[in-house]
């Protein structure tokens, strides 16, 4: 098929078409997801460290009648908002550093991806998924605390 000529065109004999390597696409995709996973774990660990500072707030909200679902919603919404605020900052940093990275690698890298609605919606979806997953873990941890245990932490 014509759509497969670029990635699988190297197997054609006397091909005039430029060809790419599908193996490189797979390698870069795996590396990108590995990097995203490491960033999620890092974000999760930083927020788990900060979660001990919020135990008084969670304890007071639990004592005053907030249920697990309200605590879950609040923590997940906060995590999603932080990741959504970080997305445009990351895009600006990438746009700013892309010419330098392109020159360093010796390959011209286009930044057309951020001007395409499909890519922007994909980036927002991935960002929201990261926020929900990491926020969900933190919410599960914080909402499962007992208020007696929370009262043992000193007030700051």
C-alpha atoms as a PDB file:
ATOM      1  CA  UNK A   1       0.000   0.000   0.000  1.00  0.00           C
ATOM      2  CA  UNK A   2       1.078   3.574  -0.696  1.00  0.00           C
ATOM      3  CA  UNK A   3       0.783   4.572   2.970  1.00  0.00           C
ATOM      4  CA  UNK A   4       3.446   1.999   3.901  1.00  0.00           C
ATOM      5  CA  UNK A   5       6.041   3.055   1.307  1.00  0.00           C
ATOM      6  CA  UNK A   6       8.008   5.357   3.612  1.00  0.00           C
ATOM      7  CA  UNK A   7       8.561   2.928   6.477  1.00  0.00           C
ATOM      8  CA  UNK A   8       8.679  -0.284   4.469  1.00  0.00           C
ATOM      9  CA  UNK A   9      10.049   1.117   1.192  1.00  0.00           C
ATOM     10  CA  UNK A  10      13.624   0.020   1.938  1.00  0.00           C
ATOM     11  CA  UNK A  11      12.539  -3.541   1.177  1.00  0.00           C
ATOM     12  CA  UNK A  12      11.525  -2.547  -2.347  1.00  0.00           C
ATOM     13  CA  UNK A  13      14.018  -3.111  -5.129  1.00  0.00           C
ATOM     14  CA  UNK A  14      15.073   0.050  -7.044  1.00  0.00           C
ATOM     15  CA  UNK A  15      12.827   2.252  -4.949  1.00  0.00           C
ATOM     16  CA  UNK A  16      13.016   5.999  -5.693  1.00  0.00           C
ATOM     17  CA  UNK A  17      11.093   6.921  -2.581  1.00  0.00           C
ATOM     18  CA  UNK A  18      12.824   8.091   0.575  1.00  0.00           C
ATOM     19  CA  UNK A  19      12.562   5.533   3.292  1.00  0.00           C
ATOM     20  CA  UNK A  20      12.522   5.564   7.064  1.00  0.00           C
ATOM     21  CA  UNK A  21      12.911   2.939   9.701  1.00  0.00           C
ATOM     22  CA  UNK A  22       9.878   1.661  11.567  1.00  0.00           C
ATOM     23  CA  UNK A  23      12.253   0.153  14.135  1.00  0.00           C
ATOM     24  CA  UNK A  24      13.414   3.664  15.049  1.00  0.00           C
ATOM     25  CA  UNK A  25       9.810   4.721  15.540  1.00  0.00           C
ATOM     26  CA  UNK A  26       9.266   1.808  17.919  1.00  0.00           C
ATOM     27  CA  UNK A  27      12.483   2.539  19.821  1.00  0.00           C
ATOM     28  CA  UNK A  28      11.664   6.242  20.219  1.00  0.00           C
ATOM     29  CA  UNK A  29       8.093   5.432  21.254  1.00  0.00           C
ATOM     30  CA  UNK A  30       9.295   3.033  23.947  1.00  0.00           C
ATOM     31  CA  UNK A  31      11.849   5.604  25.120  1.00  0.00           C
ATOM     32  CA  UNK A  32       9.172   8.304  25.273  1.00  0.00           C
ATOM     33  CA  UNK A  33       6.820   6.139  27.326  1.00  0.00           C
ATOM     34  CA  UNK A  34       9.675   5.115  29.617  1.00  0.00           C
ATOM     35  CA  UNK A  35      10.535   8.774  30.140  1.00  0.00           C
ATOM     36  CA  UNK A  36       6.872   9.570  30.801  1.00  0.00           C
ATOM     37  CA  UNK A  37       6.703   6.719  33.321  1.00  0.00           C
ATOM     38  CA  UNK A  38       9.816   7.990  35.132  1.00  0.00           C
ATOM     39  CA  UNK A  39       8.360  11.503  35.212  1.00  0.00           C
ATOM     40  CA  UNK A  40       5.081  10.163  36.632  1.00  0.00           C
ATOM     41  CA  UNK A  41       6.895   8.239  39.356  1.00  0.00           C
ATOM     42  CA  UNK A  42       8.966  11.334  40.168  1.00  0.00           C
ATOM     43  CA  UNK A  43       5.836  13.501  40.330  1.00  0.00           C
ATOM     44  CA  UNK A  44       4.125  10.895  42.482  1.00  0.00           C
ATOM     45  CA  UNK A  45       7.027  10.664  44.935  1.00  0.00           C
ATOM     46  CA  UNK A  46       7.299  14.438  45.249  1.00  0.00           C
ATOM     47  CA  UNK A  47       3.577  14.712  45.958  1.00  0.00           C
ATOM     48  CA  UNK A  48       3.661  11.818  48.411  1.00  0.00           C
ATOM     49  CA  UNK A  49       6.354  13.697  50.313  1.00  0.00           C
ATOM     50  CA  UNK A  50       4.198  16.812  50.319  1.00  0.00           C
ATOM     51  CA  UNK A  51       1.146  14.763  51.304  1.00  0.00           C
ATOM     52  CA  UNK A  52       2.370  14.468  54.881  1.00  0.00           C
ATOM     53  CA  UNK A  53       2.067  18.253  55.131  1.00  0.00           C
ATOM     54  CA  UNK A  54      -1.600  18.002  54.136  1.00  0.00           C
ATOM     55  CA  UNK A  55      -2.576  15.337  56.648  1.00  0.00           C
ATOM     56  CA  UNK A  56      -3.981  17.915  59.073  1.00  0.00           C
ATOM     57  CA  UNK A  57      -6.190  19.361  56.354  1.00  0.00           C
ATOM     58  CA  UNK A  58      -7.423  15.909  55.353  1.00  0.00           C
ATOM     59  CA  UNK A  59      -7.999  14.994  59.004  1.00  0.00           C
ATOM     60  CA  UNK A  60     -10.001  18.144  59.684  1.00  0.00           C
ATOM     61  CA  UNK A  61     -12.045  17.659  56.526  1.00  0.00           C
ATOM     62  CA  UNK A  62     -12.695  14.033  57.512  1.00  0.00           C
ATOM     63  CA  UNK A  63     -13.761  14.992  61.034  1.00  0.00           C
ATOM     64  CA  UNK A  64     -16.073  17.737  59.731  1.00  0.00           C
ATOM     65  CA  UNK A  65     -17.876  15.230  57.546  1.00  0.00           C
ATOM     66  CA  UNK A  66     -16.109  15.075  54.197  1.00  0.00           C
ATOM     67  CA  UNK A  67     -16.410  11.631  52.708  1.00  0.00           C
ATOM     68  CA  UNK A  68     -13.802   9.717  50.786  1.00  0.00           C
ATOM     69  CA  UNK A  69     -15.412  10.683  47.492  1.00  0.00           C
ATOM     70  CA  UNK A  70     -15.108  14.426  48.224  1.00  0.00           C
ATOM     71  CA  UNK A  71     -11.467  13.997  49.254  1.00  0.00           C
ATOM     72  CA  UNK A  72     -10.835  11.900  46.151  1.00  0.00           C
ATOM     73  CA  UNK A  73     -12.376  14.530  43.882  1.00  0.00           C
ATOM     74  CA  UNK A  74     -10.456  17.401  45.461  1.00  0.00           C
ATOM     75  CA  UNK A  75      -7.071  15.707  45.288  1.00  0.00           C
ATOM     76  CA  UNK A  76      -7.569  14.406  41.732  1.00  0.00           C
ATOM     77  CA  UNK A  77      -8.803  17.795  40.504  1.00  0.00           C
ATOM     78  CA  UNK A  78      -5.767  19.474  42.082  1.00  0.00           C
ATOM     79  CA  UNK A  79      -3.406  16.975  40.438  1.00  0.00           C
ATOM     80  CA  UNK A  80      -5.082  17.378  37.026  1.00  0.00           C
ATOM     81  CA  UNK A  81      -4.956  21.176  37.329  1.00  0.00           C
ATOM     82  CA  UNK A  82      -1.230  21.090  38.162  1.00  0.00           C
ATOM     83  CA  UNK A  83      -0.481  18.858  35.177  1.00  0.00           C
ATOM     84  CA  UNK A  84      -2.657  20.981  32.866  1.00  0.00           C
ATOM     85  CA  UNK A  85      -0.826  24.120  34.010  1.00  0.00           C
ATOM     86  CA  UNK A  86       2.498  22.356  33.381  1.00  0.00           C
ATOM     87  CA  UNK A  87       1.533  21.407  29.791  1.00  0.00           C
ATOM     88  CA  UNK A  88       1.701  24.882  28.194  1.00  0.00           C
ATOM     89  CA  UNK A  89       4.875  25.629  30.135  1.00  0.00           C
ATOM     90  CA  UNK A  90       6.433  22.440  28.735  1.00  0.00           C
ATOM     91  CA  UNK A  91       5.289  23.301  25.198  1.00  0.00           C
ATOM     92  CA  UNK A  92       6.842  26.774  25.448  1.00  0.00           C
ATOM     93  CA  UNK A  93      10.110  25.287  26.730  1.00  0.00           C
ATOM     94  CA  UNK A  94      10.152  22.728  23.901  1.00  0.00           C
ATOM     95  CA  UNK A  95       9.439  25.415  21.282  1.00  0.00           C
ATOM     96  CA  UNK A  96      12.186  27.579  22.749  1.00  0.00           C
ATOM     97  CA  UNK A  97      14.823  24.817  22.930  1.00  0.00           C
ATOM     98  CA  UNK A  98      13.934  22.970  19.724  1.00  0.00           C
ATOM     99  CA  UNK A  99      16.366  24.879  17.446  1.00  0.00           C
ATOM    100  CA  UNK A 100      19.248  24.188  19.838  1.00  0.00           C
ATOM    101  CA  UNK A 101      18.376  20.518  20.155  1.00  0.00           C
ATOM    102  CA  UNK A 102      17.999  20.293  16.387  1.00  0.00           C
ATOM    103  CA  UNK A 103      21.444  21.829  15.884  1.00  0.00           C
ATOM    104  CA  UNK A 104      22.964  19.572  18.538  1.00  0.00           C
ATOM    105  CA  UNK A 105      21.561  16.423  16.930  1.00  0.00           C
ATOM    106  CA  UNK A 106      22.326  17.598  13.406  1.00  0.00           C
ATOM    107  CA  UNK A 107      18.771  16.819  12.321  1.00  0.00           C
ATOM    108  CA  UNK A 108      16.125  19.347  11.378  1.00  0.00           C
ATOM    109  CA  UNK A 109      13.241  18.855  13.784  1.00  0.00           C
ATOM    110  CA  UNK A 110       9.988  20.541  12.872  1.00  0.00           C
ATOM    111  CA  UNK A 111       7.621  21.851  15.515  1.00  0.00           C
ATOM    112  CA  UNK A 112       4.477  21.398  13.425  1.00  0.00           C
ATOM    113  CA  UNK A 113       3.103  18.998  16.000  1.00  0.00           C
ATOM    114  CA  UNK A 114       1.986  21.728  18.381  1.00  0.00           C
ATOM    115  CA  UNK A 115       0.071  23.533  15.641  1.00  0.00           C
ATOM    116  CA  UNK A 116      -2.068  20.503  14.800  1.00  0.00           C
ATOM    117  CA  UNK A 117      -5.313  20.057  16.740  1.00  0.00           C
ATOM    118  CA  UNK A 118      -4.980  16.256  16.901  1.00  0.00           C
ATOM    119  CA  UNK A 119      -1.597  16.482  18.600  1.00  0.00           C
ATOM    120  CA  UNK A 120      -2.777  19.137  21.019  1.00  0.00           C
ATOM    121  CA  UNK A 121      -5.813  17.052  21.982  1.00  0.00           C
ATOM    122  CA  UNK A 122      -3.571  14.002  22.371  1.00  0.00           C
ATOM    123  CA  UNK A 123      -1.178  15.929  24.601  1.00  0.00           C
ATOM    124  CA  UNK A 124      -4.081  17.201  26.719  1.00  0.00           C
ATOM    125  CA  UNK A 125      -5.517  13.669  26.990  1.00  0.00           C
ATOM    126  CA  UNK A 126      -2.163  12.210  28.050  1.00  0.00           C
ATOM    127  CA  UNK A 127      -1.679  15.067  30.523  1.00  0.00           C
ATOM    128  CA  UNK A 128      -5.097  14.506  32.047  1.00  0.00           C
ATOM    129  CA  UNK A 129      -4.480  10.761  32.252  1.00  0.00           C
ATOM    130  CA  UNK A 130      -1.184  11.378  34.056  1.00  0.00           C
ATOM    131  CA  UNK A 131      -2.950  13.763  36.438  1.00  0.00           C
ATOM    132  CA  UNK A 132      -5.751  11.291  37.155  1.00  0.00           C
ATOM    133  CA  UNK A 133      -3.404   8.339  37.675  1.00  0.00           C
ATOM    134  CA  UNK A 134      -0.942  10.120  39.944  1.00  0.00           C
ATOM    135  CA  UNK A 135      -3.675  12.068  41.717  1.00  0.00           C
ATOM    136  CA  UNK A 136      -5.678   8.875  42.166  1.00  0.00           C
ATOM    137  CA  UNK A 137      -2.816   7.156  43.935  1.00  0.00           C
ATOM    138  CA  UNK A 138      -2.251  10.130  46.225  1.00  0.00           C
ATOM    139  CA  UNK A 139      -5.993  10.460  46.833  1.00  0.00           C
ATOM    140  CA  UNK A 140      -6.229   6.778  47.704  1.00  0.00           C
ATOM    141  CA  UNK A 141      -3.365   7.177  50.179  1.00  0.00           C
ATOM    142  CA  UNK A 142      -4.641  10.367  51.813  1.00  0.00           C
ATOM    143  CA  UNK A 143      -8.310   9.435  51.936  1.00  0.00           C
ATOM    144  CA  UNK A 144      -7.542   6.106  53.604  1.00  0.00           C
ATOM    145  CA  UNK A 145      -5.836   7.768  56.586  1.00  0.00           C
ATOM    146  CA  UNK A 146      -7.653   7.554  59.903  1.00  0.00           C
ATOM    147  CA  UNK A 147      -8.165  10.865  61.688  1.00  0.00           C
ATOM    148  CA  UNK A 148      -6.645   9.431  64.896  1.00  0.00           C
ATOM    149  CA  UNK A 149      -3.417   8.743  62.992  1.00  0.00           C
ATOM    150  CA  UNK A 150      -3.540  12.169  61.400  1.00  0.00           C
ATOM    151  CA  UNK A 151      -3.834  13.872  64.804  1.00  0.00           C
ATOM    152  CA  UNK A 152      -0.361  12.593  65.740  1.00  0.00           C
ATOM    153  CA  UNK A 153       1.381  14.869  63.240  1.00  0.00           C
ATOM    154  CA  UNK A 154       2.472  18.285  64.562  1.00  0.00           C
ATOM    155  CA  UNK A 155       0.750  21.383  63.219  1.00  0.00           C
ATOM    156  CA  UNK A 156       2.942  23.644  61.088  1.00  0.00           C
END
